[in-house]
Amino acid sequence: MASNSGDGKEWRPITLAPIVENSDGSSNYAEFQSKAKRKLDAAGYWKYVAGDDQTHTGFDEDGNEVTVTTRGNEVEVNIAKKGAESWLAQDKKALAIIVEAVPGPKLYVVEDCKSAHEAWEALKETYEPTNALMAITLKSR
């Protein structure tokens, strides 16, 4: 399989189980989250979803968005800047995999997300509170 990112890493297509919403407002998000984390991690994409507190996004001199990792010394920062293009390409792949699992009527939740991490957090905010409340309700019965 050919590399699409220019960094020697091959595109590893995977499919996540879709998020399913029930008529009572509940969903399978907890199951989706658990299975998706493992599948994305096994395929090497979880690092793009999980985020990193040391990662910063900005623009280069041509106005292109780049992501760099600040490690406290100039040499490592420059190395991270050069690697940003590869990181962004892999992040886009992880984002595409996640978006594919979102039901059509809920695409607005991830439509404006620019990273896999942002999409993951948006889905978490949308689905997790409902499931947490549902779990508490079910346990109290």
Protein backbone atom coordinates (compact mmCIF):
# COMPACT_ATOMS: atom_id res chain seq x y z
CA MET A 1 0.00 0.00 0.00
CA ALA A 2 1.38 3.42 -0.88
CA SER A 3 2.18 6.10 1.64
CA ASN A 4 -0.01 9.20 1.41
CA SER A 5 1.73 11.34 4.01
CA GLY A 6 5.28 11.55 2.72
CA ASP A 7 6.69 10.22 6.00
CA GLY A 8 6.94 6.55 5.05
CA LYS A 9 3.86 5.61 7.07
CA GLU A 10 1.21 3.76 5.19
CA TRP A 11 -2.48 4.60 5.37
CA ARG A 12 -4.10 1.93 7.49
CA PRO A 13 -7.83 2.08 6.75
CA ILE A 14 -9.96 0.96 9.67
CA THR A 15 -13.65 1.19 10.35
CA LEU A 16 -15.20 2.14 13.66
CA ALA A 17 -18.61 0.87 14.71
CA PRO A 18 -21.07 3.71 14.11
CA ILE A 19 -22.61 5.68 16.94
CA VAL A 20 -26.26 4.65 17.19
CA GLU A 21 -28.90 6.85 18.78
CA ASN A 22 -32.01 5.21 20.20
CA SER A 23 -35.49 6.71 20.13
CA ASP A 24 -35.35 7.25 23.91
CA GLY A 25 -32.33 9.56 23.53
CA SER A 26 -29.76 7.01 24.67
CA SER A 27 -26.85 5.91 22.49
CA ASN A 28 -24.08 3.35 22.29
CA TYR A 29 -21.42 6.04 22.86
CA ALA A 30 -19.82 4.27 25.84
CA GLU A 31 -19.35 1.14 23.75
CA PHE A 32 -18.21 3.21 20.75
CA GLN A 33 -15.67 5.08 22.87
CA SER A 34 -14.19 1.96 24.44
CA LYS A 35 -13.88 0.04 21.17
CA ALA A 36 -12.75 3.05 19.12
CA LYS A 37 -9.92 3.92 21.52
CA ARG A 38 -8.49 0.42 21.26
CA LYS A 39 -8.90 0.20 17.49
CA LEU A 40 -7.40 3.67 16.85
CA ASP A 41 -4.52 2.89 19.21
CA ALA A 42 -3.81 -0.46 17.56
CA ALA A 43 -3.73 1.22 14.14
CA GLY A 44 -1.35 3.93 15.42
CA TYR A 45 -3.89 6.80 15.28
CA TRP A 46 -4.69 7.34 18.97
CA LYS A 47 -1.81 9.78 19.46
CA TYR A 48 -3.58 12.11 17.01
CA VAL A 49 -6.87 11.84 18.90
CA ALA A 50 -5.57 12.03 22.47
CA GLY A 51 -3.83 15.38 22.10
CA ASP A 52 -0.69 16.54 23.82
CA ASP A 53 -0.41 19.48 26.17
CA GLN A 54 2.93 20.39 24.59
CA THR A 55 1.52 20.67 21.07
CA HIS A 56 0.92 24.14 19.63
CA THR A 57 -0.76 25.17 16.38
CA GLY A 58 0.25 28.24 14.43
CA PHE A 59 0.99 29.48 10.94
CA ASP A 60 4.20 29.42 8.94
CA GLU A 61 5.49 32.26 6.78
CA ASP A 62 3.28 31.10 3.89
CA GLY A 63 0.13 31.18 6.03
CA ASN A 64 -0.14 27.38 6.26
CA GLU A 65 -1.32 25.96 9.57
CA VAL A 66 1.41 23.96 11.32
CA THR A 67 1.57 22.12 14.62
CA VAL A 68 4.78 22.12 16.62
CA THR A 69 5.91 20.60 19.90
CA THR A 70 7.69 22.92 22.28
CA ARG A 71 10.31 21.08 24.30
CA GLY A 72 12.30 23.97 25.64
CA ASN A 73 15.21 24.11 23.23
CA GLU A 74 15.42 25.62 19.78
CA VAL A 75 16.86 22.56 17.97
CA GLU A 76 14.01 20.32 19.03
CA VAL A 77 11.45 23.01 18.22
CA ASN A 78 12.85 23.31 14.68
CA ILE A 79 12.73 19.52 14.26
CA ALA A 80 9.10 19.52 15.43
CA LYS A 81 8.22 22.28 12.94
CA LYS A 82 9.62 20.21 10.08
CA GLY A 83 7.63 17.21 11.26
CA ALA A 84 4.36 19.13 11.53
CA GLU A 85 3.32 18.38 7.96
CA SER A 86 3.50 14.64 8.54
CA TRP A 87 1.65 14.91 11.84
CA LEU A 88 -1.18 16.91 10.24
CA ALA A 89 -1.53 14.40 7.42
CA GLN A 90 -1.91 11.52 9.89
CA ASP A 91 -4.27 13.59 12.05
CA LYS A 92 -6.51 14.16 9.02
CA LYS A 93 -6.69 10.41 8.48
CA ALA A 94 -7.68 9.81 12.11
CA LEU A 95 -10.29 12.59 11.84
CA ALA A 96 -11.77 10.98 8.71
CA ILE A 97 -12.05 7.61 10.48
CA ILE A 98 -13.86 9.19 13.43
CA VAL A 99 -16.24 11.27 11.30
CA GLU A 100 -17.24 8.17 9.35
CA ALA A 101 -18.70 6.67 12.57
CA VAL A 102 -20.95 9.69 13.25
CA PRO A 103 -24.63 9.37 12.27
CA GLY A 104 -25.72 11.71 9.48
CA PRO A 105 -28.07 13.83 11.61
CA LYS A 106 -25.23 14.48 14.09
CA LEU A 107 -22.51 15.43 11.58
CA TYR A 108 -22.88 19.04 12.70
CA VAL A 109 -21.13 18.02 15.95
CA VAL A 110 -17.84 17.31 14.11
CA GLU A 111 -18.33 19.38 10.95
CA ASP A 112 -16.11 22.27 12.02
CA CYS A 113 -13.53 20.17 13.87
CA LYS A 114 -10.03 20.65 12.51
CA SER A 115 -8.34 17.75 14.34
CA ALA A 116 -9.04 14.24 15.49
CA HIS A 117 -8.67 15.39 19.09
CA GLU A 118 -11.22 18.17 18.61
CA ALA A 119 -13.73 15.75 17.01
CA TRP A 120 -13.23 13.23 19.80
CA GLU A 121 -13.84 15.88 22.46
CA ALA A 122 -16.95 17.18 20.62
CA LEU A 123 -18.42 13.68 20.49
CA LYS A 124 -17.57 13.13 24.13
CA GLU A 125 -19.37 16.35 25.11
CA THR A 126 -22.38 15.40 23.01
CA TYR A 127 -22.80 11.78 24.03
CA GLU A 128 -21.10 11.12 27.34
CA PRO A 129 -23.31 13.26 29.62
CA THR A 130 -26.42 11.53 28.31
CA ASN A 131 -24.94 8.10 28.87
CA ALA A 132 -23.62 9.04 32.32
CA LEU A 133 -27.08 10.27 33.31
CA MET A 134 -28.64 7.17 31.76
CA ALA A 135 -26.26 4.92 33.75
CA ILE A 136 -27.14 6.70 37.00
CA THR A 137 -30.84 6.39 36.22
CA LEU A 138 -30.55 2.69 35.41
CA LYS A 139 -28.49 2.00 38.56
CA SER A 140 -31.05 3.77 40.73
CA ARG A 141 -33.82 1.50 39.39
